[in-house]
């Protein structure tokens, strides 16, 4: 498995617009990308404007395919001016 965690800071005045687009992107990823096994969108009311993503892919190539997908490119362009900061971290599963 290939795990991706993303911390996003979204302009607080744009969260209402951002979250439906984010949820649609996650649902589409799970539905049409065979290598996408999980895509969770999380928030915490104690930290308004912060969105945490937890994504699991079959491998790094599946994540690259996600980034190259038409639906992700449309989403990324639509939210570009809503996102203040983005921290993306990737992890490869360690097997014994």
Foldseek 3Di string as FASTA:
>chain_A
DKKKKKKWQFDLVCVVVLVVLQVVLQVVCCVPQPFWDHWDWDDDPVDRRIIMIITGGNDPVSVVVSCVDPSNVVSCVVCVVGTPDMDMDMDDDDDD
